[in-house]
């Protein structure tokens, strides 16, 4: 894992942003990765735009990133401020092509109980649409070494090439153990019992349960396992698949108070 991306657009709360940045930096330090911190700016319409004005907008965006970075401890990590012109959801795939991003670090919407959303707007759209693995870090959650991981799946089949690469590196870097929880819902098929060879090789223990949803299965086993990280796959017949029609996830449907790693399992 060489390059980690932190988009600042997804949180309007400066405390959330500082925590998001610090976690990403602490995490990157362990993996010896570079952190790219991005913020988009909108170029003025062509009819009235001037190169000098748009250059100034870029400089302002870079200055705003540096202001955010002033509130964190870089701990020797290479942290690069990178203003981007355009729309964040459109620019991240382009940025990925140039810089080979291995992970995006996001905050959930808010921990405020009055806020009904776990993911909303840009953060929800990124989890739903991006090809890049995403780590969602709860508000006020401080980095600590990852020793226990709970991976929750419905199916043991992994079709996406290199889908397991991020979790393999985390397991290796931290010397962590991973329990696989297979949640058998009403949609469970016989072929879901088959396990991808690479997945079978990295799990330390296995348990299955029968629940209405994968999230219910996770909730049932959290207190038993006390993991430092939850890992799930984002696929059409898997986690998050039915949680939204738009780019939102309600807290009543899902909420995590420990970091959640979302991998791309299959299309």
C-alpha atoms as a PDB file:
ATOM      1  CA  UNK A   1       0.000   0.000   0.000  1.00  0.00           C
ATOM      2  CA  UNK A   2       1.876   3.032  -1.282  1.00  0.00           C
ATOM      3  CA  UNK A   3      -0.606   5.883  -1.708  1.00  0.00           C
ATOM      4  CA  UNK A   4      -3.479   6.947   0.551  1.00  0.00           C
ATOM      5  CA  UNK A   5      -6.003   9.605  -0.460  1.00  0.00           C
ATOM      6  CA  UNK A   6      -7.834  11.916   1.946  1.00  0.00           C
ATOM      7  CA  UNK A   7     -10.532  14.077   0.289  1.00  0.00           C
ATOM      8  CA  UNK A   8     -11.466  17.079   2.431  1.00  0.00           C
ATOM      9  CA  UNK A   9     -14.780  17.759   0.702  1.00  0.00           C
ATOM     10  CA  UNK A  10     -16.760  15.080   2.505  1.00  0.00           C
ATOM     11  CA  UNK A  11     -16.888  16.742   5.926  1.00  0.00           C
ATOM     12  CA  UNK A  12     -17.902  20.268   6.821  1.00  0.00           C
ATOM     13  CA  UNK A  13     -16.841  19.765  10.439  1.00  0.00           C
ATOM     14  CA  UNK A  14     -13.234  20.915  10.974  1.00  0.00           C
ATOM     15  CA  UNK A  15     -12.848  18.598  13.970  1.00  0.00           C
ATOM     16  CA  UNK A  16     -13.893  15.666  11.787  1.00  0.00           C
ATOM     17  CA  UNK A  17     -11.385  16.726   9.140  1.00  0.00           C
ATOM     18  CA  UNK A  18      -8.488  16.998  11.608  1.00  0.00           C
ATOM     19  CA  UNK A  19      -9.253  13.573  13.041  1.00  0.00           C
ATOM     20  CA  UNK A  20      -9.610  12.099   9.551  1.00  0.00           C
ATOM     21  CA  UNK A  21      -6.223  13.507   8.529  1.00  0.00           C
ATOM     22  CA  UNK A  22      -4.464  12.393  11.704  1.00  0.00           C
ATOM     23  CA  UNK A  23      -5.796   8.853  11.434  1.00  0.00           C
ATOM     24  CA  UNK A  24      -4.726   8.653   7.792  1.00  0.00           C
ATOM     25  CA  UNK A  25      -1.232   9.906   8.655  1.00  0.00           C
ATOM     26  CA  UNK A  26      -0.831   7.502  11.585  1.00  0.00           C
ATOM     27  CA  UNK A  27      -2.076   4.640   9.422  1.00  0.00           C
ATOM     28  CA  UNK A  28       0.219   5.632   6.535  1.00  0.00           C
ATOM     29  CA  UNK A  29       3.203   5.759   8.868  1.00  0.00           C
ATOM     30  CA  UNK A  30       2.749   2.087   9.739  1.00  0.00           C
ATOM     31  CA  UNK A  31       2.442   1.115   6.075  1.00  0.00           C
ATOM     32  CA  UNK A  32       5.165   3.520   4.892  1.00  0.00           C
ATOM     33  CA  UNK A  33       2.710   5.154   2.498  1.00  0.00           C
ATOM     34  CA  UNK A  34       2.351   8.638   1.031  1.00  0.00           C
ATOM     35  CA  UNK A  35      -0.767  10.661   1.924  1.00  0.00           C
ATOM     36  CA  UNK A  36      -2.392  12.856  -0.724  1.00  0.00           C
ATOM     37  CA  UNK A  37      -4.777  15.437   0.721  1.00  0.00           C
ATOM     38  CA  UNK A  38      -7.072  16.819  -1.959  1.00  0.00           C
ATOM     39  CA  UNK A  39      -9.569  19.658  -2.174  1.00  0.00           C
ATOM     40  CA  UNK A  40     -11.412  20.654  -5.335  1.00  0.00           C
ATOM     41  CA  UNK A  41     -11.948  24.138  -6.671  1.00  0.00           C
ATOM     42  CA  UNK A  42     -14.333  25.226  -9.395  1.00  0.00           C
ATOM     43  CA  UNK A  43     -12.843  26.958 -12.417  1.00  0.00           C
ATOM     44  CA  UNK A  44     -14.756  30.065 -13.481  1.00  0.00           C
ATOM     45  CA  UNK A  45     -16.938  29.783 -16.618  1.00  0.00           C
ATOM     46  CA  UNK A  46     -14.870  30.097 -19.778  1.00  0.00           C
ATOM     47  CA  UNK A  47     -16.700  33.210 -20.927  1.00  0.00           C
ATOM     48  CA  UNK A  48     -15.451  35.222 -17.995  1.00  0.00           C
ATOM     49  CA  UNK A  49     -12.449  33.307 -16.770  1.00  0.00           C
ATOM     50  CA  UNK A  50      -8.914  34.559 -16.630  1.00  0.00           C
ATOM     51  CA  UNK A  51      -5.895  32.264 -16.199  1.00  0.00           C
ATOM     52  CA  UNK A  52      -4.646  34.405 -13.312  1.00  0.00           C
ATOM     53  CA  UNK A  53      -7.989  34.134 -11.500  1.00  0.00           C
ATOM     54  CA  UNK A  54      -8.133  30.359 -11.824  1.00  0.00           C
ATOM     55  CA  UNK A  55      -4.520  30.125 -10.716  1.00  0.00           C
ATOM     56  CA  UNK A  56      -5.486  32.108  -7.637  1.00  0.00           C
ATOM     57  CA  UNK A  57      -8.378  29.736  -6.905  1.00  0.00           C
ATOM     58  CA  UNK A  58      -5.956  26.823  -7.041  1.00  0.00           C
ATOM     59  CA  UNK A  59      -3.545  28.612  -4.708  1.00  0.00           C
ATOM     60  CA  UNK A  60      -6.369  29.366  -2.275  1.00  0.00           C
ATOM     61  CA  UNK A  61      -7.397  25.685  -2.244  1.00  0.00           C
ATOM     62  CA  UNK A  62      -3.808  24.632  -1.581  1.00  0.00           C
ATOM     63  CA  UNK A  63      -3.587  27.193   1.224  1.00  0.00           C
ATOM     64  CA  UNK A  64      -6.783  25.822   2.790  1.00  0.00           C
ATOM     65  CA  UNK A  65      -5.343  22.306   2.735  1.00  0.00           C
ATOM     66  CA  UNK A  66      -2.159  23.527   4.428  1.00  0.00           C
ATOM     67  CA  UNK A  67      -4.268  25.224   7.114  1.00  0.00           C
ATOM     68  CA  UNK A  68      -5.926  21.884   7.857  1.00  0.00           C
ATOM     69  CA  UNK A  69      -2.555  20.144   7.914  1.00  0.00           C
ATOM     70  CA  UNK A  70      -1.245  22.671  10.423  1.00  0.00           C
ATOM     71  CA  UNK A  71      -3.495  21.029  13.010  1.00  0.00           C
ATOM     72  CA  UNK A  72      -2.002  17.536  12.702  1.00  0.00           C
ATOM     73  CA  UNK A  73       1.292  15.814  13.481  1.00  0.00           C
ATOM     74  CA  UNK A  74       2.803  14.574  10.227  1.00  0.00           C
ATOM     75  CA  UNK A  75       5.147  12.180  12.078  1.00  0.00           C
ATOM     76  CA  UNK A  76       7.616  12.073   9.217  1.00  0.00           C
ATOM     77  CA  UNK A  77       4.996  10.936   6.700  1.00  0.00           C
ATOM     78  CA  UNK A  78       5.155  12.433   3.217  1.00  0.00           C
ATOM     79  CA  UNK A  79       1.896  14.420   3.084  1.00  0.00           C
ATOM     80  CA  UNK A  80       1.130  16.183  -0.198  1.00  0.00           C
ATOM     81  CA  UNK A  81      -1.453  18.975  -0.558  1.00  0.00           C
ATOM     82  CA  UNK A  82      -3.128  18.632  -3.942  1.00  0.00           C
ATOM     83  CA  UNK A  83      -5.859  21.019  -5.132  1.00  0.00           C
ATOM     84  CA  UNK A  84      -7.996  19.565  -7.927  1.00  0.00           C
ATOM     85  CA  UNK A  85     -10.061  21.448 -10.458  1.00  0.00           C
ATOM     86  CA  UNK A  86     -13.585  20.205 -11.089  1.00  0.00           C
ATOM     87  CA  UNK A  87     -15.988  17.784  -9.379  1.00  0.00           C
ATOM     88  CA  UNK A  88     -14.575  15.497  -6.696  1.00  0.00           C
ATOM     89  CA  UNK A  89     -16.420  12.363  -7.826  1.00  0.00           C
ATOM     90  CA  UNK A  90     -15.231  12.884 -11.388  1.00  0.00           C
ATOM     91  CA  UNK A  91     -11.674  13.855 -10.504  1.00  0.00           C
ATOM     92  CA  UNK A  92     -10.814  10.996  -8.143  1.00  0.00           C
ATOM     93  CA  UNK A  93     -10.807   8.324 -10.907  1.00  0.00           C
ATOM     94  CA  UNK A  94      -8.519  10.559 -12.992  1.00  0.00           C
ATOM     95  CA  UNK A  95      -6.280  11.174  -9.982  1.00  0.00           C
ATOM     96  CA  UNK A  96      -6.161   7.437  -9.365  1.00  0.00           C
ATOM     97  CA  UNK A  97      -4.931   6.791 -12.905  1.00  0.00           C
ATOM     98  CA  UNK A  98      -2.017   9.167 -12.334  1.00  0.00           C
ATOM     99  CA  UNK A  99      -1.112   8.255  -8.752  1.00  0.00           C
ATOM    100  CA  UNK A 100      -2.326   4.657  -8.240  1.00  0.00           C
ATOM    101  CA  UNK A 101      -4.289   5.230  -5.040  1.00  0.00           C
ATOM    102  CA  UNK A 102      -4.498   2.164  -2.804  1.00  0.00           C
ATOM    103  CA  UNK A 103      -6.933   3.465  -0.186  1.00  0.00           C
ATOM    104  CA  UNK A 104      -9.312   6.368   0.471  1.00  0.00           C
ATOM    105  CA  UNK A 105      -9.853   7.467   4.089  1.00  0.00           C
ATOM    106  CA  UNK A 106     -13.280   8.978   4.846  1.00  0.00           C
ATOM    107  CA  UNK A 107     -15.329  10.113   7.822  1.00  0.00           C
ATOM    108  CA  UNK A 108     -18.948   9.094   8.271  1.00  0.00           C
ATOM    109  CA  UNK A 109     -21.455  11.913   8.195  1.00  0.00           C
ATOM    110  CA  UNK A 110     -21.608  12.636  11.929  1.00  0.00           C
ATOM    111  CA  UNK A 111     -21.796  10.955  15.329  1.00  0.00           C
ATOM    112  CA  UNK A 112     -24.546  13.360  16.418  1.00  0.00           C
ATOM    113  CA  UNK A 113     -27.578  11.237  17.324  1.00  0.00           C
ATOM    114  CA  UNK A 114     -29.795  13.915  15.762  1.00  0.00           C
ATOM    115  CA  UNK A 115     -28.148  13.318  12.396  1.00  0.00           C
ATOM    116  CA  UNK A 116     -29.955  10.344  10.797  1.00  0.00           C
ATOM    117  CA  UNK A 117     -27.234   9.571   8.243  1.00  0.00           C
ATOM    118  CA  UNK A 118     -24.147   7.383   8.616  1.00  0.00           C
ATOM    119  CA  UNK A 119     -23.013   8.192   5.067  1.00  0.00           C
ATOM    120  CA  UNK A 120     -24.365  11.002   2.976  1.00  0.00           C
ATOM    121  CA  UNK A 121     -23.679  12.891  -0.223  1.00  0.00           C
ATOM    122  CA  UNK A 122     -20.091  12.641  -1.441  1.00  0.00           C
ATOM    123  CA  UNK A 123     -18.963  10.013   1.078  1.00  0.00           C
ATOM    124  CA  UNK A 124     -21.908   7.761   0.224  1.00  0.00           C
ATOM    125  CA  UNK A 125     -21.328   8.196  -3.499  1.00  0.00           C
ATOM    126  CA  UNK A 126     -17.649   7.301  -3.149  1.00  0.00           C
ATOM    127  CA  UNK A 127     -18.377   4.082  -1.262  1.00  0.00           C
ATOM    128  CA  UNK A 128     -21.080   3.185  -3.744  1.00  0.00           C
ATOM    129  CA  UNK A 129     -19.220   3.904  -6.967  1.00  0.00           C
ATOM    130  CA  UNK A 130     -15.448   3.953  -6.590  1.00  0.00           C
ATOM    131  CA  UNK A 131     -13.142   1.090  -7.538  1.00  0.00           C
ATOM    132  CA  UNK A 132     -10.740   2.082  -4.735  1.00  0.00           C
ATOM    133  CA  UNK A 133     -10.914   0.427  -1.281  1.00  0.00           C
ATOM    134  CA  UNK A 134     -12.299   2.799   1.345  1.00  0.00           C
ATOM    135  CA  UNK A 135     -11.599   3.054   5.071  1.00  0.00           C
ATOM    136  CA  UNK A 136     -14.364   4.816   7.020  1.00  0.00           C
ATOM    137  CA  UNK A 137     -13.085   6.144  10.357  1.00  0.00           C
ATOM    138  CA  UNK A 138     -15.637   7.096  13.043  1.00  0.00           C
ATOM    139  CA  UNK A 139     -15.611  10.600  14.470  1.00  0.00           C
ATOM    140  CA  UNK A 140     -13.161  11.073  17.395  1.00  0.00           C
ATOM    141  CA  UNK A 141     -11.612   7.661  16.767  1.00  0.00           C
ATOM    142  CA  UNK A 142      -7.852   7.718  17.400  1.00  0.00           C
ATOM    143  CA  UNK A 143      -5.474   5.401  15.602  1.00  0.00           C
ATOM    144  CA  UNK A 144      -4.314   2.255  17.374  1.00  0.00           C
ATOM    145  CA  UNK A 145      -2.520  -0.824  16.042  1.00  0.00           C
ATOM    146  CA  UNK A 146      -4.887  -3.274  14.391  1.00  0.00           C
ATOM    147  CA  UNK A 147      -4.714  -6.661  16.077  1.00  0.00           C
ATOM    148  CA  UNK A 148      -8.153  -8.200  15.506  1.00  0.00           C
ATOM    149  CA  UNK A 149     -10.192  -7.954  12.327  1.00  0.00           C
ATOM    150  CA  UNK A 150     -13.734  -9.148  11.779  1.00  0.00           C
ATOM    151  CA  UNK A 151     -14.499  -9.822   8.127  1.00  0.00           C
ATOM    152  CA  UNK A 152     -18.207 -10.245   7.457  1.00  0.00           C
ATOM    153  CA  UNK A 153     -19.379 -11.886   4.240  1.00  0.00           C
ATOM    154  CA  UNK A 154     -22.415 -13.546   2.761  1.00  0.00           C
ATOM    155  CA  UNK A 155     -20.433 -15.378   0.100  1.00  0.00           C
ATOM    156  CA  UNK A 156     -16.906 -16.744   0.190  1.00  0.00           C
ATOM    157  CA  UNK A 157     -16.513 -16.162  -3.550  1.00  0.00           C
ATOM    158  CA  UNK A 158     -14.162 -13.305  -4.473  1.00  0.00           C
ATOM    159  CA  UNK A 159     -14.102 -12.550  -8.200  1.00  0.00           C
ATOM    160  CA  UNK A 160     -12.388  -9.174  -8.265  1.00  0.00           C
ATOM    161  CA  UNK A 161      -8.668  -9.457  -8.993  1.00  0.00           C
ATOM    162  CA  UNK A 162      -6.484  -8.239  -6.095  1.00  0.00           C
ATOM    163  CA  UNK A 163      -9.571  -7.491  -3.982  1.00  0.00           C
ATOM    164  CA  UNK A 164      -7.863  -8.982  -0.931  1.00  0.00           C
ATOM    165  CA  UNK A 165      -4.577  -7.106  -1.354  1.00  0.00           C
ATOM    166  CA  UNK A 166      -5.385  -4.312   1.161  1.00  0.00           C
ATOM    167  CA  UNK A 167      -6.461  -6.658   3.936  1.00  0.00           C
ATOM    168  CA  UNK A 168      -3.480  -8.937   3.312  1.00  0.00           C
ATOM    169  CA  UNK A 169      -1.124  -5.998   3.750  1.00  0.00           C
ATOM    170  CA  UNK A 170      -2.869  -4.851   6.917  1.00  0.00           C
ATOM    171  CA  UNK A 171      -2.673  -8.356   8.379  1.00  0.00           C
ATOM    172  CA  UNK A 172       1.022  -8.571   7.535  1.00  0.00           C
ATOM    173  CA  UNK A 173       1.940  -5.062   8.719  1.00  0.00           C
ATOM    174  CA  UNK A 174       0.237  -5.311  12.099  1.00  0.00           C
ATOM    175  CA  UNK A 175       0.596  -9.043  12.691  1.00  0.00           C
ATOM    176  CA  UNK A 176      -3.183  -9.146  13.062  1.00  0.00           C
ATOM    177  CA  UNK A 177      -5.609 -12.047  13.158  1.00  0.00           C
ATOM    178  CA  UNK A 178      -8.842 -12.163  11.208  1.00  0.00           C
ATOM    179  CA  UNK A 179     -12.050 -13.966  12.023  1.00  0.00           C
ATOM    180  CA  UNK A 180     -14.375 -14.635   9.114  1.00  0.00           C
ATOM    181  CA  UNK A 181     -18.058 -14.328   9.893  1.00  0.00           C
ATOM    182  CA  UNK A 182     -20.324 -15.760   7.214  1.00  0.00           C
ATOM    183  CA  UNK A 183     -23.859 -14.471   7.575  1.00  0.00           C
ATOM    184  CA  UNK A 184     -26.427 -16.699   5.914  1.00  0.00           C
ATOM    185  CA  UNK A 185     -29.439 -14.637   4.919  1.00  0.00           C
ATOM    186  CA  UNK A 186     -32.542 -15.715   3.030  1.00  0.00           C
ATOM    187  CA  UNK A 187     -30.613 -15.011  -0.186  1.00  0.00           C
ATOM    188  CA  UNK A 188     -27.882 -17.531   0.690  1.00  0.00           C
ATOM    189  CA  UNK A 189     -27.055 -19.876  -2.191  1.00  0.00           C
ATOM    190  CA  UNK A 190     -25.247 -23.255  -2.081  1.00  0.00           C
ATOM    191  CA  UNK A 191     -22.308 -21.853  -4.048  1.00  0.00           C
ATOM    192  CA  UNK A 192     -21.813 -19.179  -1.378  1.00  0.00           C
ATOM    193  CA  UNK A 193     -20.356 -21.912   0.835  1.00  0.00           C
ATOM    194  CA  UNK A 194     -17.351 -22.145  -1.476  1.00  0.00           C
ATOM    195  CA  UNK A 195     -14.377 -20.045  -0.412  1.00  0.00           C
ATOM    196  CA  UNK A 196     -11.815 -18.309  -2.551  1.00  0.00           C
ATOM    197  CA  UNK A 197      -8.440 -19.948  -1.922  1.00  0.00           C
ATOM    198  CA  UNK A 198      -6.704 -16.678  -1.031  1.00  0.00           C
ATOM    199  CA  UNK A 199      -9.466 -15.826   1.434  1.00  0.00           C
ATOM    200  CA  UNK A 200      -9.204 -19.195   3.135  1.00  0.00           C
ATOM    201  CA  UNK A 201      -5.461 -18.720   3.578  1.00  0.00           C
ATOM    202  CA  UNK A 202      -5.679 -15.468   5.536  1.00  0.00           C
ATOM    203  CA  UNK A 203      -8.426 -16.204   8.059  1.00  0.00           C
ATOM    204  CA  UNK A 204      -7.552 -17.324  11.581  1.00  0.00           C
ATOM    205  CA  UNK A 205     -11.023 -18.587  12.497  1.00  0.00           C
ATOM    206  CA  UNK A 206     -14.453 -19.065  10.950  1.00  0.00           C
ATOM    207  CA  UNK A 207     -17.970 -18.725  12.252  1.00  0.00           C
ATOM    208  CA  UNK A 208     -21.367 -18.668  10.575  1.00  0.00           C
ATOM    209  CA  UNK A 209     -24.705 -17.299  11.675  1.00  0.00           C
ATOM    210  CA  UNK A 210     -28.197 -16.928  10.284  1.00  0.00           C
ATOM    211  CA  UNK A 211     -29.538 -13.392  10.218  1.00  0.00           C
ATOM    212  CA  UNK A 212     -31.927 -11.298   8.175  1.00  0.00           C
ATOM    213  CA  UNK A 213     -29.087  -8.997   7.075  1.00  0.00           C
ATOM    214  CA  UNK A 214     -25.312  -8.939   7.144  1.00  0.00           C
ATOM    215  CA  UNK A 215     -25.409  -5.920   9.429  1.00  0.00           C
ATOM    216  CA  UNK A 216     -27.470  -7.814  12.000  1.00  0.00           C
ATOM    217  CA  UNK A 217     -24.891 -10.592  11.937  1.00  0.00           C
ATOM    218  CA  UNK A 218     -22.087  -8.099  12.509  1.00  0.00           C
ATOM    219  CA  UNK A 219     -23.908  -6.494  15.441  1.00  0.00           C
ATOM    220  CA  UNK A 220     -24.501  -9.890  16.994  1.00  0.00           C
ATOM    221  CA  UNK A 221     -20.786 -10.732  16.993  1.00  0.00           C
ATOM    222  CA  UNK A 222     -19.141  -7.378  17.739  1.00  0.00           C
ATOM    223  CA  UNK A 223     -19.197  -7.710  21.522  1.00  0.00           C
ATOM    224  CA  UNK A 224     -17.936 -11.276  21.292  1.00  0.00           C
ATOM    225  CA  UNK A 225     -14.938 -10.407  19.115  1.00  0.00           C
ATOM    226  CA  UNK A 226     -14.030  -6.792  20.042  1.00  0.00           C
ATOM    227  CA  UNK A 227     -12.320  -6.200  16.682  1.00  0.00           C
ATOM    228  CA  UNK A 228     -10.165  -3.184  15.849  1.00  0.00           C
ATOM    229  CA  UNK A 229     -11.429  -3.213  12.269  1.00  0.00           C
ATOM    230  CA  UNK A 230     -14.485  -4.492  10.403  1.00  0.00           C
ATOM    231  CA  UNK A 231     -13.928  -5.569   6.814  1.00  0.00           C
ATOM    232  CA  UNK A 232     -16.684  -6.090   4.244  1.00  0.00           C
ATOM    233  CA  UNK A 233     -17.072  -6.375   0.490  1.00  0.00           C
ATOM    234  CA  UNK A 234     -19.075  -3.948  -1.601  1.00  0.00           C
ATOM    235  CA  UNK A 235     -20.838  -5.933  -4.274  1.00  0.00           C
ATOM    236  CA  UNK A 236     -24.259  -6.103  -5.821  1.00  0.00           C
ATOM    237  CA  UNK A 237     -25.431  -9.022  -3.712  1.00  0.00           C
ATOM    238  CA  UNK A 238     -23.522  -8.066  -0.605  1.00  0.00           C
ATOM    239  CA  UNK A 239     -22.910  -5.411   2.017  1.00  0.00           C
ATOM    240  CA  UNK A 240     -24.535  -2.017   1.367  1.00  0.00           C
ATOM    241  CA  UNK A 241     -26.297  -3.464  -1.693  1.00  0.00           C
ATOM    242  CA  UNK A 242     -29.780  -2.742  -0.393  1.00  0.00           C
ATOM    243  CA  UNK A 243     -29.009   0.042   2.050  1.00  0.00           C
ATOM    244  CA  UNK A 244     -29.523   2.817  -0.443  1.00  0.00           C
ATOM    245  CA  UNK A 245     -31.047   3.871  -3.672  1.00  0.00           C
ATOM    246  CA  UNK A 246     -29.441   7.284  -3.475  1.00  0.00           C
ATOM    247  CA  UNK A 247     -25.974   8.045  -2.092  1.00  0.00           C
ATOM    248  CA  UNK A 248     -26.972   7.716   1.557  1.00  0.00           C
ATOM    249  CA  UNK A 249     -26.883   5.174   4.387  1.00  0.00           C
ATOM    250  CA  UNK A 250     -29.135   5.792   7.371  1.00  0.00           C
ATOM    251  CA  UNK A 251     -27.837   5.093  10.869  1.00  0.00           C
ATOM    252  CA  UNK A 252     -30.913   2.978  11.546  1.00  0.00           C
ATOM    253  CA  UNK A 253     -29.708   0.686   8.736  1.00  0.00           C
ATOM    254  CA  UNK A 254     -26.017   0.738   9.533  1.00  0.00           C
ATOM    255  CA  UNK A 255     -23.572   2.476  11.854  1.00  0.00           C
ATOM    256  CA  UNK A 256     -20.059   1.510  12.931  1.00  0.00           C
ATOM    257  CA  UNK A 257     -18.112   2.906  15.857  1.00  0.00           C
ATOM    258  CA  UNK A 258     -14.868   1.256  14.805  1.00  0.00           C
ATOM    259  CA  UNK A 259     -13.083   1.654  11.453  1.00  0.00           C
ATOM    260  CA  UNK A 260     -14.821  -0.034   8.535  1.00  0.00           C
ATOM    261  CA  UNK A 261     -12.810  -1.212   5.510  1.00  0.00           C
ATOM    262  CA  UNK A 262     -14.912  -1.606   2.352  1.00  0.00           C
ATOM    263  CA  UNK A 263     -13.310  -3.754  -0.352  1.00  0.00           C
ATOM    264  CA  UNK A 264     -14.495  -4.259  -3.891  1.00  0.00           C
ATOM    265  CA  UNK A 265     -15.503  -7.912  -4.201  1.00  0.00           C
ATOM    266  CA  UNK A 266     -17.167  -8.245  -7.597  1.00  0.00           C
ATOM    267  CA  UNK A 267     -19.304  -6.309 -10.040  1.00  0.00           C
END
